[in-house]
């Protein structure tokens, strides 16, 4: 095995580890926004708008901070 083969194996291992460490993508189970629950989602997302996406993630961050502070 030469240096190029070793580098390719290392790169593939790094990519595999990175992909497995990703958080699962949010998905709407019923096709409606997971935050407001009223509007249909935009394709390939779990939210009806950028505002709902931002509000959801802001809420999750705040809950995480509160739990860490207890």
PDB file of N, CA and C in Angstrom:
ATOM      1  N   UNK A   1       0.843  -1.179   0.000  1.00  0.00           N
ATOM      2  CA  UNK A   1       0.000   0.000   0.000  1.00  0.00           C
ATOM      3  C   UNK A   1       0.892   1.247   0.000  1.00  0.00           C
ATOM      4  N   UNK A   2       0.590   2.190  -0.860  1.00  0.00           N
ATOM      5  CA  UNK A   2       1.396   3.411  -0.905  1.00  0.00           C
ATOM      6  C   UNK A   2       0.729   4.533  -0.106  1.00  0.00           C
ATOM      7  N   UNK A   3       1.377   5.689  -0.109  1.00  0.00           N
ATOM      8  CA  UNK A   3       0.879   6.828   0.680  1.00  0.00           C
ATOM      9  C   UNK A   3      -0.515   7.279   0.243  1.00  0.00           C
ATOM     10  N   UNK A   4      -0.788   7.231  -1.057  1.00  0.00           N
ATOM     11  CA  UNK A   4      -2.098   7.654  -1.564  1.00  0.00           C
ATOM     12  C   UNK A   4      -3.197   6.739  -1.031  1.00  0.00           C
ATOM     13  N   UNK A   5      -2.943   5.437  -1.006  1.00  0.00           N
ATOM     14  CA  UNK A   5      -3.928   4.491  -0.478  1.00  0.00           C
ATOM     15  C   UNK A   5      -4.179   4.735   1.007  1.00  0.00           C
ATOM     16  N   UNK A   6      -3.119   4.962   1.758  1.00  0.00           N
ATOM     17  CA  UNK A   6      -3.255   5.232   3.190  1.00  0.00           C
ATOM     18  C   UNK A   6      -4.040   6.512   3.436  1.00  0.00           C
ATOM     19  N   UNK A   7      -3.743   7.544   2.640  1.00  0.00           N
ATOM     20  CA  UNK A   7      -4.453   8.814   2.784  1.00  0.00           C
ATOM     21  C   UNK A   7      -5.933   8.646   2.461  1.00  0.00           C
ATOM     22  N   UNK A   8      -6.239   7.858   1.432  1.00  0.00           N
ATOM     23  CA  UNK A   8      -7.636   7.630   1.065  1.00  0.00           C
ATOM     24  C   UNK A   8      -8.361   6.869   2.170  1.00  0.00           C
ATOM     25  N   UNK A   9      -7.726   5.848   2.737  1.00  0.00           N
ATOM     26  CA  UNK A   9      -8.343   5.106   3.838  1.00  0.00           C
ATOM     27  C   UNK A   9      -8.589   6.003   5.045  1.00  0.00           C
ATOM     28  N   UNK A  10      -7.625   6.857   5.352  1.00  0.00           N
ATOM     29  CA  UNK A  10      -7.767   7.777   6.478  1.00  0.00           C
ATOM     30  C   UNK A  10      -8.910   8.747   6.231  1.00  0.00           C
ATOM     31  N   UNK A  11      -9.006   9.251   5.004  1.00  0.00           N
ATOM     32  CA  UNK A  11     -10.073  10.191   4.665  1.00  0.00           C
ATOM     33  C   UNK A  11     -11.438   9.502   4.757  1.00  0.00           C
ATOM     34  N   UNK A  12     -11.549   8.283   4.270  1.00  0.00           N
ATOM     35  CA  UNK A  12     -12.811   7.551   4.343  1.00  0.00           C
ATOM     36  C   UNK A  12     -13.202   7.263   5.787  1.00  0.00           C
ATOM     37  N   UNK A  13     -12.238   6.930   6.635  1.00  0.00           N
ATOM     38  CA  UNK A  13     -12.523   6.681   8.049  1.00  0.00           C
ATOM     39  C   UNK A  13     -13.003   7.954   8.731  1.00  0.00           C
ATOM     40  N   UNK A  14     -12.371   9.082   8.401  1.00  0.00           N
ATOM     41  CA  UNK A  14     -12.771  10.364   8.981  1.00  0.00           C
ATOM     42  C   UNK A  14     -14.190  10.730   8.541  1.00  0.00           C
ATOM     43  N   UNK A  15     -14.481  10.554   7.260  1.00  0.00           N
ATOM     44  CA  UNK A  15     -15.811  10.856   6.745  1.00  0.00           C
ATOM     45  C   UNK A  15     -16.860   9.966   7.400  1.00  0.00           C
ATOM     46  N   UNK A  16     -16.571   8.701   7.528  1.00  0.00           N
ATOM     47  CA  UNK A  16     -17.498   7.763   8.154  1.00  0.00           C
ATOM     48  C   UNK A  16     -17.772   8.145   9.606  1.00  0.00           C
ATOM     49  N   UNK A  17     -16.727   8.499  10.339  1.00  0.00           N
ATOM     50  CA  UNK A  17     -16.893   8.904  11.736  1.00  0.00           C
ATOM     51  C   UNK A  17     -17.704  10.192  11.839  1.00  0.00           C
ATOM     52  N   UNK A  18     -17.455  11.126  10.940  1.00  0.00           N
ATOM     53  CA  UNK A  18     -18.189  12.390  10.955  1.00  0.00           C
ATOM     54  C   UNK A  18     -19.665  12.175  10.665  1.00  0.00           C
ATOM     55  N   UNK A  19     -19.964  11.345   9.695  1.00  0.00           N
ATOM     56  CA  UNK A  19     -21.361  11.090   9.349  1.00  0.00           C
ATOM     57  C   UNK A  19     -22.105  10.362  10.465  1.00  0.00           C
ATOM     58  N   UNK A  20     -21.436   9.453  11.137  1.00  0.00           N
ATOM     59  CA  UNK A  20     -22.110   8.720  12.209  1.00  0.00           C
ATOM     60  C   UNK A  20     -22.319   9.586  13.446  1.00  0.00           C
ATOM     61  N   UNK A  21     -21.553  10.659  13.593  1.00  0.00           N
ATOM     62  CA  UNK A  21     -21.680  11.545  14.754  1.00  0.00           C
ATOM     63  C   UNK A  21     -22.748  12.625  14.546  1.00  0.00           C
ATOM     64  N   UNK A  22     -23.281  12.729  13.333  1.00  0.00           N
ATOM     65  CA  UNK A  22     -24.298  13.746  13.060  1.00  0.00           C
ATOM     66  C   UNK A  22     -25.572  13.476  13.833  1.00  0.00           C
ATOM     67  N   UNK A  23     -26.241  14.547  14.207  1.00  0.00           N
ATOM     68  CA  UNK A  23     -27.557  14.410  14.825  1.00  0.00           C
ATOM     69  C   UNK A  23     -28.551  14.042  13.729  1.00  0.00           C
ATOM     70  N   UNK A  24     -29.546  13.247  14.068  1.00  0.00           N
ATOM     71  CA  UNK A  24     -30.541  12.892  13.054  1.00  0.00           C
ATOM     72  C   UNK A  24     -31.315  14.130  12.609  1.00  0.00           C
ATOM     73  N   UNK A  25     -31.698  14.143  11.358  1.00  0.00           N
ATOM     74  CA  UNK A  25     -32.430  15.269  10.785  1.00  0.00           C
ATOM     75  C   UNK A  25     -33.845  15.294  11.336  1.00  0.00           C
ATOM     76  N   UNK A  26     -34.336  16.477  11.626  1.00  0.00           N
ATOM     77  CA  UNK A  26     -35.714  16.628  12.105  1.00  0.00           C
ATOM     78  C   UNK A  26     -36.688  16.321  10.970  1.00  0.00           C
ATOM     79  N   UNK A  27     -37.746  15.613  11.307  1.00  0.00           N
ATOM     80  CA  UNK A  27     -38.735  15.213  10.310  1.00  0.00           C
ATOM     81  C   UNK A  27     -40.126  15.441  10.882  1.00  0.00           C
ATOM     82  N   UNK A  28     -41.007  15.937  10.052  1.00  0.00           N
ATOM     83  CA  UNK A  28     -42.409  16.076  10.443  1.00  0.00           C
ATOM     84  C   UNK A  28     -43.112  14.757  10.159  1.00  0.00           C
ATOM     85  N   UNK A  29     -43.774  14.232  11.158  1.00  0.00           N
ATOM     86  CA  UNK A  29     -44.454  12.940  10.984  1.00  0.00           C
ATOM     87  C   UNK A  29     -45.761  13.068  10.214  1.00  0.00           C
ATOM     88  N   UNK A  30     -46.396  14.230  10.307  1.00  0.00           N
ATOM     89  CA  UNK A  30     -47.701  14.379   9.666  1.00  0.00           C
ATOM     90  C   UNK A  30     -47.713  15.404   8.529  1.00  0.00           C
ATOM     91  N   UNK A  31     -46.555  15.959   8.190  1.00  0.00           N
ATOM     92  CA  UNK A  31     -46.490  16.936   7.108  1.00  0.00           C
ATOM     93  C   UNK A  31     -46.723  18.366   7.550  1.00  0.00           C
ATOM     94  N   UNK A  32     -47.017  18.564   8.848  1.00  0.00           N
ATOM     95  CA  UNK A  32     -47.191  19.907   9.383  1.00  0.00           C
ATOM     96  C   UNK A  32     -45.953  20.316  10.156  1.00  0.00           C
ATOM     97  N   UNK A  33     -45.770  21.599  10.296  1.00  0.00           N
ATOM     98  CA  UNK A  33     -44.638  22.182  11.012  1.00  0.00           C
ATOM     99  C   UNK A  33     -44.525  21.577  12.411  1.00  0.00           C
ATOM    100  N   UNK A  34     -43.330  21.192  12.830  1.00  0.00           N
ATOM    101  CA  UNK A  34     -43.176  20.594  14.159  1.00  0.00           C
ATOM    102  C   UNK A  34     -43.183  21.647  15.259  1.00  0.00           C
ATOM    103  N   UNK A  35     -43.130  22.918  14.906  1.00  0.00           N
ATOM    104  CA  UNK A  35     -43.173  23.972  15.922  1.00  0.00           C
ATOM    105  C   UNK A  35     -44.590  24.521  16.086  1.00  0.00           C
ATOM    106  N   UNK A  36     -45.158  25.092  15.042  1.00  0.00           N
ATOM    107  CA  UNK A  36     -46.498  25.685  15.178  1.00  0.00           C
ATOM    108  C   UNK A  36     -47.608  24.648  14.975  1.00  0.00           C
ATOM    109  N   UNK A  37     -47.305  23.564  14.319  1.00  0.00           N
ATOM    110  CA  UNK A  37     -48.220  22.439  14.087  1.00  0.00           C
ATOM    111  C   UNK A  37     -49.440  22.798  13.241  1.00  0.00           C
ATOM    112  N   UNK A  38     -49.429  23.969  12.599  1.00  0.00           N
ATOM    113  CA  UNK A  38     -50.601  24.408  11.841  1.00  0.00           C
ATOM    114  C   UNK A  38     -50.386  24.416  10.337  1.00  0.00           C
ATOM    115  N   UNK A  39     -49.200  24.770   9.897  1.00  0.00           N
ATOM    116  CA  UNK A  39     -48.927  24.952   8.474  1.00  0.00           C
ATOM    117  C   UNK A  39     -48.163  23.754   7.911  1.00  0.00           C
ATOM    118  N   UNK A  40     -48.347  23.470   6.632  1.00  0.00           N
ATOM    119  CA  UNK A  40     -47.568  22.395   6.011  1.00  0.00           C
ATOM    120  C   UNK A  40     -46.084  22.786   5.917  1.00  0.00           C
ATOM    121  N   UNK A  41     -45.222  21.796   5.987  1.00  0.00           N
ATOM    122  CA  UNK A  41     -43.784  22.065   5.964  1.00  0.00           C
ATOM    123  C   UNK A  41     -43.294  22.413   4.568  1.00  0.00           C
ATOM    124  N   UNK A  42     -42.178  23.130   4.529  1.00  0.00           N
ATOM    125  CA  UNK A  42     -41.480  23.388   3.276  1.00  0.00           C
ATOM    126  C   UNK A  42     -40.747  22.098   2.918  1.00  0.00           C
ATOM    127  N   UNK A  43     -40.660  21.772   1.651  1.00  0.00           N
ATOM    128  CA  UNK A  43     -40.018  20.532   1.213  1.00  0.00           C
ATOM    129  C   UNK A  43     -38.630  20.377   1.827  1.00  0.00           C
ATOM    130  N   UNK A  44     -38.326  19.153   2.267  1.00  0.00           N
ATOM    131  CA  UNK A  44     -37.030  18.788   2.835  1.00  0.00           C
ATOM    132  C   UNK A  44     -36.748  19.433   4.190  1.00  0.00           C
ATOM    133  N   UNK A  45     -37.784  19.933   4.878  1.00  0.00           N
ATOM    134  CA  UNK A  45     -37.604  20.514   6.206  1.00  0.00           C
ATOM    135  C   UNK A  45     -38.679  19.970   7.143  1.00  0.00           C
ATOM    136  N   UNK A  46     -38.627  20.409   8.393  1.00  0.00           N
ATOM    137  CA  UNK A  46     -39.654  20.036   9.364  1.00  0.00           C
ATOM    138  C   UNK A  46     -40.447  21.262   9.798  1.00  0.00           C
ATOM    139  N   UNK A  47     -40.229  22.383   9.118  1.00  0.00           N
ATOM    140  CA  UNK A  47     -40.837  23.652   9.520  1.00  0.00           C
ATOM    141  C   UNK A  47     -41.551  24.299   8.347  1.00  0.00           C
ATOM    142  N   UNK A  48     -42.519  25.156   8.674  1.00  0.00           N
ATOM    143  CA  UNK A  48     -43.263  25.862   7.633  1.00  0.00           C
ATOM    144  C   UNK A  48     -42.570  27.145   7.197  1.00  0.00           C
ATOM    145  N   UNK A  49     -41.654  27.638   8.054  1.00  0.00           N
ATOM    146  CA  UNK A  49     -40.980  28.899   7.731  1.00  0.00           C
ATOM    147  C   UNK A  49     -39.656  28.984   8.478  1.00  0.00           C
ATOM    148  N   UNK A  50     -38.837  29.928   8.061  1.00  0.00           N
ATOM    149  CA  UNK A  50     -37.561  30.157   8.746  1.00  0.00           C
ATOM    150  C   UNK A  50     -37.800  30.625  10.178  1.00  0.00           C
ATOM    151  N   UNK A  51     -38.875  31.371  10.406  1.00  0.00           N
ATOM    152  CA  UNK A  51     -39.190  31.863  11.740  1.00  0.00           C
ATOM    153  C   UNK A  51     -39.490  30.710  12.702  1.00  0.00           C
ATOM    154  N   UNK A  52     -40.276  29.735  12.247  1.00  0.00           N
ATOM    155  CA  UNK A  52     -40.576  28.587  13.105  1.00  0.00           C
ATOM    156  C   UNK A  52     -39.304  27.785  13.383  1.00  0.00           C
ATOM    157  N   UNK A  53     -38.461  27.640  12.381  1.00  0.00           N
ATOM    158  CA  UNK A  53     -37.179  26.948  12.557  1.00  0.00           C
ATOM    159  C   UNK A  53     -36.353  27.648  13.633  1.00  0.00           C
ATOM    160  N   UNK A  54     -36.225  28.968  13.525  1.00  0.00           N
ATOM    161  CA  UNK A  54     -35.449  29.741  14.502  1.00  0.00           C
ATOM    162  C   UNK A  54     -36.056  29.659  15.896  1.00  0.00           C
ATOM    163  N   UNK A  55     -37.378  29.802  15.999  1.00  0.00           N
ATOM    164  CA  UNK A  55     -38.046  29.739  17.298  1.00  0.00           C
ATOM    165  C   UNK A  55     -37.858  28.370  17.956  1.00  0.00           C
ATOM    166  N   UNK A  56     -37.987  27.304  17.174  1.00  0.00           N
ATOM    167  CA  UNK A  56     -37.815  25.950  17.695  1.00  0.00           C
ATOM    168  C   UNK A  56     -36.404  25.763  18.251  1.00  0.00           C
ATOM    169  N   UNK A  57     -35.391  26.149  17.470  1.00  0.00           N
ATOM    170  CA  UNK A  57     -34.010  25.955  17.916  1.00  0.00           C
ATOM    171  C   UNK A  57     -33.657  26.871  19.095  1.00  0.00           C
ATOM    172  N   UNK A  58     -34.212  28.069  19.117  1.00  0.00           N
ATOM    173  CA  UNK A  58     -33.993  28.960  20.261  1.00  0.00           C
ATOM    174  C   UNK A  58     -34.585  28.343  21.524  1.00  0.00           C
ATOM    175  N   UNK A  59     -35.780  27.802  21.430  1.00  0.00           N
ATOM    176  CA  UNK A  59     -36.433  27.147  22.570  1.00  0.00           C
ATOM    177  C   UNK A  59     -35.594  25.961  23.051  1.00  0.00           C
ATOM    178  N   UNK A  60     -35.126  25.130  22.128  1.00  0.00           N
ATOM    179  CA  UNK A  60     -34.321  23.968  22.494  1.00  0.00           C
ATOM    180  C   UNK A  60     -33.029  24.385  23.198  1.00  0.00           C
ATOM    181  N   UNK A  61     -32.371  25.448  22.696  1.00  0.00           N
ATOM    182  CA  UNK A  61     -31.143  25.951  23.343  1.00  0.00           C
ATOM    183  C   UNK A  61     -31.440  26.433  24.756  1.00  0.00           C
ATOM    184  N   UNK A  62     -32.533  27.173  24.931  1.00  0.00           N
ATOM    185  CA  UNK A  62     -32.902  27.684  26.249  1.00  0.00           C
ATOM    186  C   UNK A  62     -33.200  26.543  27.229  1.00  0.00           C
ATOM    187  N   UNK A  63     -33.896  25.520  26.762  1.00  0.00           N
ATOM    188  CA  UNK A  63     -34.205  24.370  27.629  1.00  0.00           C
ATOM    189  C   UNK A  63     -32.922  23.636  28.023  1.00  0.00           C
ATOM    190  N   UNK A  64     -32.011  23.529  27.097  1.00  0.00           N
ATOM    191  CA  UNK A  64     -30.729  22.867  27.374  1.00  0.00           C
ATOM    192  C   UNK A  64     -29.930  23.661  28.404  1.00  0.00           C
ATOM    193  N   UNK A  65     -29.929  25.001  28.276  1.00  0.00           N
ATOM    194  CA  UNK A  65     -29.217  25.859  29.221  1.00  0.00           C
ATOM    195  C   UNK A  65     -29.856  25.790  30.601  1.00  0.00           C
ATOM    196  N   UNK A  66     -31.166  25.755  30.666  1.00  0.00           N
ATOM    197  CA  UNK A  66     -31.851  25.663  31.963  1.00  0.00           C
ATOM    198  C   UNK A  66     -31.539  24.340  32.654  1.00  0.00           C
ATOM    199  N   UNK A  67     -31.544  23.276  31.866  1.00  0.00           N
ATOM    200  CA  UNK A  67     -31.258  21.950  32.435  1.00  0.00           C
ATOM    201  C   UNK A  67     -29.809  21.873  32.939  1.00  0.00           C
ATOM    202  N   UNK A  68     -28.900  22.528  32.248  1.00  0.00           N
ATOM    203  CA  UNK A  68     -27.488  22.513  32.663  1.00  0.00           C
ATOM    204  C   UNK A  68     -27.291  23.359  33.917  1.00  0.00           C
ATOM    205  N   UNK A  69     -28.142  24.361  34.113  1.00  0.00           N
ATOM    206  CA  UNK A  69     -28.020  25.247  35.266  1.00  0.00           C
ATOM    207  C   UNK A  69     -28.591  24.679  36.552  1.00  0.00           C
ATOM    208  N   UNK A  70     -29.341  23.613  36.458  1.00  0.00           N
ATOM    209  CA  UNK A  70     -29.969  23.034  37.645  1.00  0.00           C
ATOM    210  C   UNK A  70     -29.037  22.123  38.392  1.00  0.00           C
TER     211      UNK A  70
END
